[in-house]
Amino acid sequence: MLEAHDLAARRGSLLLFEGISVQVPPGTALVVSGRNGSGKTTLLRILAGVTRPAAGRVTWHGRDVARHDPSVRADICFAGHVPALKDELTATENLHALATLAGERTGPLALRRALADVGLDARRHLPARALSQGQRRRIALARMSIGRQRLWLLDEPATALDADGLALLGSLVARHLAGGGTLVAATHQRLDLPADRVQTLTLS
């Protein structure tokens, strides 16, 4: 279970939020909404152990989420608002690099299958700079599909996705939750998620 206990965050002297406490059991999702600048991305970074909170603590299955705990960090897939791709690398090379950084050992066939599943098989040899924003986002979806991390933290995952891409995102998340995974997504857009598996949090 992911738990946040009385979290607070600041940006300089500005208080972004305080008193945030949530419990997200396995197989469920937390959708975080709020205006620009309300701290949605900061909250995700705190949950991932990338940013330290001004107050409070985060635990994952009873263990503190700390910046230097590899066993916890290895269980987290954090996908930022902008896909972390290198323009000069192909779709396949970028996917392989992302998987390797996450400690995944993935062979050529698995990489090709993952890209085919997100509609990028015909573009797998193109450099990322030649891909549209939606296609670049699909590489991130492929990364999610081949990983074994149980906690997904997604920042604006629907950005630049067309209708087919949104359907693909929904099916990936539904499969993740059905397998006992946990999701926290910060988004301005409605996500097609099973209603009985979702709780919401709005930052003001």
C-alpha atoms as a PDB file:
ATOM      1  CA  MET A   1       0.000   0.000   0.000  1.00  0.00           C
ATOM      2  CA  LEU A   2       1.128   3.541  -0.777  1.00  0.00           C
ATOM      3  CA  GLU A   3       0.568   5.917   2.132  1.00  0.00           C
ATOM      4  CA  ALA A   4       1.207   9.632   2.500  1.00  0.00           C
ATOM      5  CA  HIS A   5       1.158  11.029   6.009  1.00  0.00           C
ATOM      6  CA  ASP A   6       0.427  14.754   6.526  1.00  0.00           C
ATOM      7  CA  LEU A   7       2.510  15.905   3.554  1.00  0.00           C
ATOM      8  CA  ALA A   8       3.391  19.541   2.938  1.00  0.00           C
ATOM      9  CA  ALA A   9       5.396  21.107   0.126  1.00  0.00           C
ATOM     10  CA  ARG A  10       6.877  24.521  -0.525  1.00  0.00           C
ATOM     11  CA  ARG A  11       8.324  26.257  -3.559  1.00  0.00           C
ATOM     12  CA  GLY A  12      10.646  28.817  -2.076  1.00  0.00           C
ATOM     13  CA  SER A  13       8.541  30.771   0.420  1.00  0.00           C
ATOM     14  CA  LEU A  14       5.263  29.669  -1.226  1.00  0.00           C
ATOM     15  CA  LEU A  15       3.267  26.912   0.484  1.00  0.00           C
ATOM     16  CA  LEU A  16       1.931  24.643  -2.268  1.00  0.00           C
ATOM     17  CA  PHE A  17      -0.069  22.296  -0.063  1.00  0.00           C
ATOM     18  CA  GLU A  18      -0.157  20.877   3.457  1.00  0.00           C
ATOM     19  CA  GLY A  19      -1.969  18.194   5.423  1.00  0.00           C
ATOM     20  CA  ILE A  20      -2.136  15.715   2.530  1.00  0.00           C
ATOM     21  CA  SER A  21      -2.789  12.184   3.791  1.00  0.00           C
ATOM     22  CA  VAL A  22      -3.886   9.366   1.484  1.00  0.00           C
ATOM     23  CA  GLN A  23      -3.904   5.580   1.350  1.00  0.00           C
ATOM     24  CA  VAL A  24      -3.802   3.881  -2.054  1.00  0.00           C
ATOM     25  CA  PRO A  25      -4.167   0.096  -1.709  1.00  0.00           C
ATOM     26  CA  PRO A  26      -2.936  -2.380  -4.328  1.00  0.00           C
ATOM     27  CA  GLY A  27      -5.235  -2.602  -7.333  1.00  0.00           C
ATOM     28  CA  THR A  28      -6.451   0.983  -7.006  1.00  0.00           C
ATOM     29  CA  ALA A  29      -5.656   4.415  -8.419  1.00  0.00           C
ATOM     30  CA  LEU A  30      -5.447   7.943  -7.071  1.00  0.00           C
ATOM     31  CA  VAL A  31      -6.178  10.711  -9.585  1.00  0.00           C
ATOM     32  CA  VAL A  32      -4.782  14.104  -8.565  1.00  0.00           C
ATOM     33  CA  SER A  33      -6.227  17.263 -10.104  1.00  0.00           C
ATOM     34  CA  GLY A  34      -5.865  20.981  -9.484  1.00  0.00           C
ATOM     35  CA  ARG A  35      -5.004  24.267 -11.129  1.00  0.00           C
ATOM     36  CA  ASN A  36      -1.602  24.960 -12.659  1.00  0.00           C
ATOM     37  CA  GLY A  37       0.944  25.578  -9.932  1.00  0.00           C
ATOM     38  CA  SER A  38      -1.050  23.806  -7.224  1.00  0.00           C
ATOM     39  CA  GLY A  39       1.703  21.236  -6.692  1.00  0.00           C
ATOM     40  CA  LYS A  40       0.549  18.177  -8.624  1.00  0.00           C
ATOM     41  CA  THR A  41       3.961  17.438 -10.116  1.00  0.00           C
ATOM     42  CA  THR A  42       5.657  18.207  -6.805  1.00  0.00           C
ATOM     43  CA  LEU A  43       3.384  15.701  -5.070  1.00  0.00           C
ATOM     44  CA  LEU A  44       4.302  13.005  -7.591  1.00  0.00           C
ATOM     45  CA  ARG A  45       8.002  13.746  -7.128  1.00  0.00           C
ATOM     46  CA  ILE A  46       7.598  13.456  -3.356  1.00  0.00           C
ATOM     47  CA  LEU A  47       5.779  10.133  -3.729  1.00  0.00           C
ATOM     48  CA  ALA A  48       8.601   8.923  -5.984  1.00  0.00           C
ATOM     49  CA  GLY A  49      11.259   9.932  -3.469  1.00  0.00           C
ATOM     50  CA  VAL A  50      12.759  12.449  -5.887  1.00  0.00           C
ATOM     51  CA  THR A  51      11.785  15.545  -3.879  1.00  0.00           C
ATOM     52  CA  ARG A  52      11.785  15.845  -0.102  1.00  0.00           C
ATOM     53  CA  PRO A  53       8.547  17.116   1.487  1.00  0.00           C
ATOM     54  CA  ALA A  54       8.524  20.150   3.738  1.00  0.00           C
ATOM     55  CA  ALA A  55       6.669  17.977   6.241  1.00  0.00           C
ATOM     56  CA  GLY A  56       5.267  14.470   6.472  1.00  0.00           C
ATOM     57  CA  ARG A  57       6.413  11.131   5.102  1.00  0.00           C
ATOM     58  CA  VAL A  58       5.617   8.601   2.393  1.00  0.00           C
ATOM     59  CA  THR A  59       5.629   4.825   2.832  1.00  0.00           C
ATOM     60  CA  TRP A  60       5.343   2.008   0.312  1.00  0.00           C
ATOM     61  CA  HIS A  61       4.254  -1.291   1.865  1.00  0.00           C
ATOM     62  CA  GLY A  62       5.396   0.017   5.217  1.00  0.00           C
ATOM     63  CA  ARG A  63       8.844   1.203   4.123  1.00  0.00           C
ATOM     64  CA  ASP A  64       9.801   4.868   3.893  1.00  0.00           C
ATOM     65  CA  VAL A  65      10.178   6.102   0.322  1.00  0.00           C
ATOM     66  CA  ALA A  66      13.665   7.561   0.543  1.00  0.00           C
ATOM     67  CA  ARG A  67      15.969   8.845  -2.173  1.00  0.00           C
ATOM     68  CA  HIS A  68      18.629   6.251  -1.410  1.00  0.00           C
ATOM     69  CA  ASP A  69      16.527   3.105  -0.919  1.00  0.00           C
ATOM     70  CA  PRO A  70      17.091   1.064  -4.107  1.00  0.00           C
ATOM     71  CA  SER A  71      14.624  -1.668  -3.138  1.00  0.00           C
ATOM     72  CA  VAL A  72      11.764   0.847  -2.973  1.00  0.00           C
ATOM     73  CA  ARG A  73      12.859   2.913  -5.960  1.00  0.00           C
ATOM     74  CA  ALA A  74      13.094  -0.242  -8.092  1.00  0.00           C
ATOM     75  CA  ASP A  75       9.368  -0.786  -7.530  1.00  0.00           C
ATOM     76  CA  ILE A  76       8.421   2.679  -8.858  1.00  0.00           C
ATOM     77  CA  CYS A  77       7.779   3.713 -12.461  1.00  0.00           C
ATOM     78  CA  PHE A  78       7.809   7.520 -12.589  1.00  0.00           C
ATOM     79  CA  ALA A  79       6.789   9.024 -15.932  1.00  0.00           C
ATOM     80  CA  GLY A  80       7.144  12.790 -16.092  1.00  0.00           C
ATOM     81  CA  HIS A  81       5.079  15.277 -18.064  1.00  0.00           C
ATOM     82  CA  VAL A  82       7.649  15.267 -20.890  1.00  0.00           C
ATOM     83  CA  PRO A  83       8.903  11.848 -22.088  1.00  0.00           C
ATOM     84  CA  ALA A  84      12.589  11.451 -21.220  1.00  0.00           C
ATOM     85  CA  LEU A  85      13.784  10.653 -24.732  1.00  0.00           C
ATOM     86  CA  LYS A  86      16.976  11.414 -26.607  1.00  0.00           C
ATOM     87  CA  ASP A  87      16.219  12.937 -29.993  1.00  0.00           C
ATOM     88  CA  GLU A  88      19.118  11.219 -31.775  1.00  0.00           C
ATOM     89  CA  LEU A  89      18.136   7.707 -30.628  1.00  0.00           C
ATOM     90  CA  THR A  90      15.541   5.584 -32.401  1.00  0.00           C
ATOM     91  CA  ALA A  91      12.292   4.536 -30.776  1.00  0.00           C
ATOM     92  CA  THR A  92      13.813   1.109 -30.112  1.00  0.00           C
ATOM     93  CA  GLU A  93      17.009   2.572 -28.671  1.00  0.00           C
ATOM     94  CA  ASN A  94      15.086   4.959 -26.440  1.00  0.00           C
ATOM     95  CA  LEU A  95      12.857   2.171 -25.138  1.00  0.00           C
ATOM     96  CA  HIS A  96      15.897   0.001 -24.467  1.00  0.00           C
ATOM     97  CA  ALA A  97      17.615   2.859 -22.624  1.00  0.00           C
ATOM     98  CA  LEU A  98      14.542   3.546 -20.476  1.00  0.00           C
ATOM     99  CA  ALA A  99      14.180  -0.132 -19.619  1.00  0.00           C
ATOM    100  CA  THR A 100      17.875  -0.446 -18.772  1.00  0.00           C
ATOM    101  CA  LEU A 101      17.754   2.587 -16.472  1.00  0.00           C
ATOM    102  CA  ALA A 102      14.892   0.902 -14.633  1.00  0.00           C
ATOM    103  CA  GLY A 103      16.887  -2.308 -14.248  1.00  0.00           C
ATOM    104  CA  GLU A 104      14.901  -4.247 -16.840  1.00  0.00           C
ATOM    105  CA  ARG A 105      16.642  -6.822 -19.037  1.00  0.00           C
ATOM    106  CA  THR A 106      14.745  -6.683 -22.299  1.00  0.00           C
ATOM    107  CA  GLY A 107      15.731  -8.386 -25.541  1.00  0.00           C
ATOM    108  CA  PRO A 108      15.142  -7.198 -29.123  1.00  0.00           C
ATOM    109  CA  LEU A 109      11.968  -9.259 -29.602  1.00  0.00           C
ATOM    110  CA  ALA A 110      10.386  -7.920 -26.412  1.00  0.00           C
ATOM    111  CA  LEU A 111      11.260  -4.353 -27.412  1.00  0.00           C
ATOM    112  CA  ARG A 112       9.739  -4.797 -30.854  1.00  0.00           C
ATOM    113  CA  ARG A 113       6.626  -6.416 -29.406  1.00  0.00           C
ATOM    114  CA  ALA A 114       6.169  -3.563 -26.935  1.00  0.00           C
ATOM    115  CA  LEU A 115       6.485  -0.939 -29.678  1.00  0.00           C
ATOM    116  CA  ALA A 116       4.106  -2.890 -31.914  1.00  0.00           C
ATOM    117  CA  ASP A 117       1.574  -2.987 -29.081  1.00  0.00           C
ATOM    118  CA  VAL A 118       1.546   0.826 -28.997  1.00  0.00           C
ATOM    119  CA  GLY A 119       1.394   1.211 -32.776  1.00  0.00           C
ATOM    120  CA  LEU A 120       5.044   2.104 -33.379  1.00  0.00           C
ATOM    121  CA  ASP A 121       6.385  -1.006 -35.094  1.00  0.00           C
ATOM    122  CA  ALA A 122       6.692   0.735 -38.464  1.00  0.00           C
ATOM    123  CA  ARG A 123       8.488   3.663 -36.812  1.00  0.00           C
ATOM    124  CA  ARG A 124      10.767   1.736 -34.476  1.00  0.00           C
ATOM    125  CA  HIS A 125      13.908   2.682 -36.464  1.00  0.00           C
ATOM    126  CA  LEU A 126      13.092   6.399 -36.676  1.00  0.00           C
ATOM    127  CA  PRO A 127      14.936   8.857 -34.427  1.00  0.00           C
ATOM    128  CA  ALA A 128      12.760  10.373 -31.735  1.00  0.00           C
ATOM    129  CA  ARG A 129      13.110  13.836 -33.298  1.00  0.00           C
ATOM    130  CA  ALA A 130      11.144  12.537 -36.310  1.00  0.00           C
ATOM    131  CA  LEU A 131       8.201  11.415 -34.180  1.00  0.00           C
ATOM    132  CA  SER A 132       5.145  13.429 -33.231  1.00  0.00           C
ATOM    133  CA  GLN A 133       4.504  14.317 -29.600  1.00  0.00           C
ATOM    134  CA  GLY A 134       1.822  11.634 -29.434  1.00  0.00           C
ATOM    135  CA  GLN A 135       4.204   9.018 -30.831  1.00  0.00           C
ATOM    136  CA  ARG A 136       6.879  10.043 -28.351  1.00  0.00           C
ATOM    137  CA  ARG A 137       4.317   9.606 -25.579  1.00  0.00           C
ATOM    138  CA  ARG A 138       3.589   6.104 -26.884  1.00  0.00           C
ATOM    139  CA  ILE A 139       7.218   5.136 -26.236  1.00  0.00           C
ATOM    140  CA  ALA A 140       6.557   5.950 -22.583  1.00  0.00           C
ATOM    141  CA  LEU A 141       3.475   3.720 -22.731  1.00  0.00           C
ATOM    142  CA  ALA A 142       5.601   0.924 -24.171  1.00  0.00           C
ATOM    143  CA  ARG A 143       8.038   1.411 -21.293  1.00  0.00           C
ATOM    144  CA  MET A 144       5.180   0.979 -18.818  1.00  0.00           C
ATOM    145  CA  SER A 145       3.969  -2.172 -20.556  1.00  0.00           C
ATOM    146  CA  ILE A 146       7.278  -4.040 -20.281  1.00  0.00           C
ATOM    147  CA  GLY A 147       8.157  -3.012 -16.730  1.00  0.00           C
ATOM    148  CA  ARG A 148       7.528  -4.952 -13.544  1.00  0.00           C
ATOM    149  CA  GLN A 149       7.159  -1.970 -11.225  1.00  0.00           C
ATOM    150  CA  ARG A 150       4.090  -2.169  -9.009  1.00  0.00           C
ATOM    151  CA  LEU A 151       3.712   1.580  -8.400  1.00  0.00           C
ATOM    152  CA  TRP A 152       3.102   3.842 -11.394  1.00  0.00           C
ATOM    153  CA  LEU A 153       3.378   7.608 -10.885  1.00  0.00           C
ATOM    154  CA  LEU A 154       2.234   9.370 -14.052  1.00  0.00           C
ATOM    155  CA  ASP A 155       2.324  13.124 -14.700  1.00  0.00           C
ATOM    156  CA  GLU A 156      -0.243  14.202 -17.328  1.00  0.00           C
ATOM    157  CA  PRO A 157      -0.148  10.776 -19.043  1.00  0.00           C
ATOM    158  CA  ALA A 158      -2.860  11.684 -21.576  1.00  0.00           C
ATOM    159  CA  THR A 159      -0.980  14.675 -23.020  1.00  0.00           C
ATOM    160  CA  ALA A 160      -0.712  14.571 -26.857  1.00  0.00           C
ATOM    161  CA  LEU A 161      -2.509  11.221 -27.133  1.00  0.00           C
ATOM    162  CA  ASP A 162      -5.236  10.797 -29.749  1.00  0.00           C
ATOM    163  CA  ALA A 163      -8.359   8.687 -29.185  1.00  0.00           C
ATOM    164  CA  ASP A 164      -6.519   5.440 -29.935  1.00  0.00           C
ATOM    165  CA  GLY A 165      -3.682   6.445 -27.624  1.00  0.00           C
ATOM    166  CA  LEU A 166      -6.111   7.250 -24.817  1.00  0.00           C
ATOM    167  CA  ALA A 167      -7.769   3.860 -25.264  1.00  0.00           C
ATOM    168  CA  LEU A 168      -4.356   2.221 -25.126  1.00  0.00           C
ATOM    169  CA  LEU A 169      -3.460   4.108 -21.943  1.00  0.00           C
ATOM    170  CA  GLY A 170      -6.752   3.026 -20.384  1.00  0.00           C
ATOM    171  CA  SER A 171      -6.163  -0.637 -21.216  1.00  0.00           C
ATOM    172  CA  LEU A 172      -2.599  -0.550 -19.848  1.00  0.00           C
ATOM    173  CA  VAL A 173      -3.764   1.008 -16.584  1.00  0.00           C
ATOM    174  CA  ALA A 174      -6.710  -1.382 -16.264  1.00  0.00           C
ATOM    175  CA  ARG A 175      -4.364  -4.348 -16.721  1.00  0.00           C
ATOM    176  CA  HIS A 176      -1.932  -2.900 -14.190  1.00  0.00           C
ATOM    177  CA  LEU A 177      -4.653  -2.427 -11.577  1.00  0.00           C
ATOM    178  CA  ALA A 178      -6.177  -5.850 -12.254  1.00  0.00           C
ATOM    179  CA  GLY A 179      -2.765  -7.366 -11.559  1.00  0.00           C
ATOM    180  CA  GLY A 180      -2.579  -5.699  -8.153  1.00  0.00           C
ATOM    181  CA  GLY A 181      -0.573  -2.663  -9.228  1.00  0.00           C
ATOM    182  CA  THR A 182      -1.024   0.838  -7.838  1.00  0.00           C
ATOM    183  CA  LEU A 183      -1.378   4.080  -9.787  1.00  0.00           C
ATOM    184  CA  VAL A 184      -1.154   7.779  -8.951  1.00  0.00           C
ATOM    185  CA  ALA A 185      -1.838  10.072 -11.906  1.00  0.00           C
ATOM    186  CA  ALA A 186      -1.755  13.858 -11.963  1.00  0.00           C
ATOM    187  CA  THR A 187      -3.900  15.104 -14.814  1.00  0.00           C
ATOM    188  CA  HIS A 188      -6.103  17.862 -16.181  1.00  0.00           C
ATOM    189  CA  GLN A 189      -7.908  15.365 -18.401  1.00  0.00           C
ATOM    190  CA  ARG A 190     -10.432  12.688 -17.610  1.00  0.00           C
ATOM    191  CA  LEU A 191      -8.935   9.201 -17.592  1.00  0.00           C
ATOM    192  CA  ASP A 192     -11.013   6.153 -18.493  1.00  0.00           C
ATOM    193  CA  LEU A 193     -10.474   4.148 -15.309  1.00  0.00           C
ATOM    194  CA  PRO A 194     -12.649   1.598 -13.485  1.00  0.00           C
ATOM    195  CA  ALA A 195     -14.810   3.715 -11.167  1.00  0.00           C
ATOM    196  CA  ASP A 196     -14.676   1.196  -8.331  1.00  0.00           C
ATOM    197  CA  ARG A 197     -10.872   1.339  -8.276  1.00  0.00           C
ATOM    198  CA  VAL A 198     -10.377   5.122  -8.242  1.00  0.00           C
ATOM    199  CA  GLN A 199     -10.164   7.786  -5.583  1.00  0.00           C
ATOM    200  CA  THR A 200      -9.568  11.461  -6.262  1.00  0.00           C
ATOM    201  CA  LEU A 201      -7.586  14.285  -4.685  1.00  0.00           C
ATOM    202  CA  THR A 202      -7.900  17.941  -5.680  1.00  0.00           C
ATOM    203  CA  LEU A 203      -5.145  20.377  -4.829  1.00  0.00           C
ATOM    204  CA  SER A 204      -6.350  23.961  -4.498  1.00  0.00           C
END
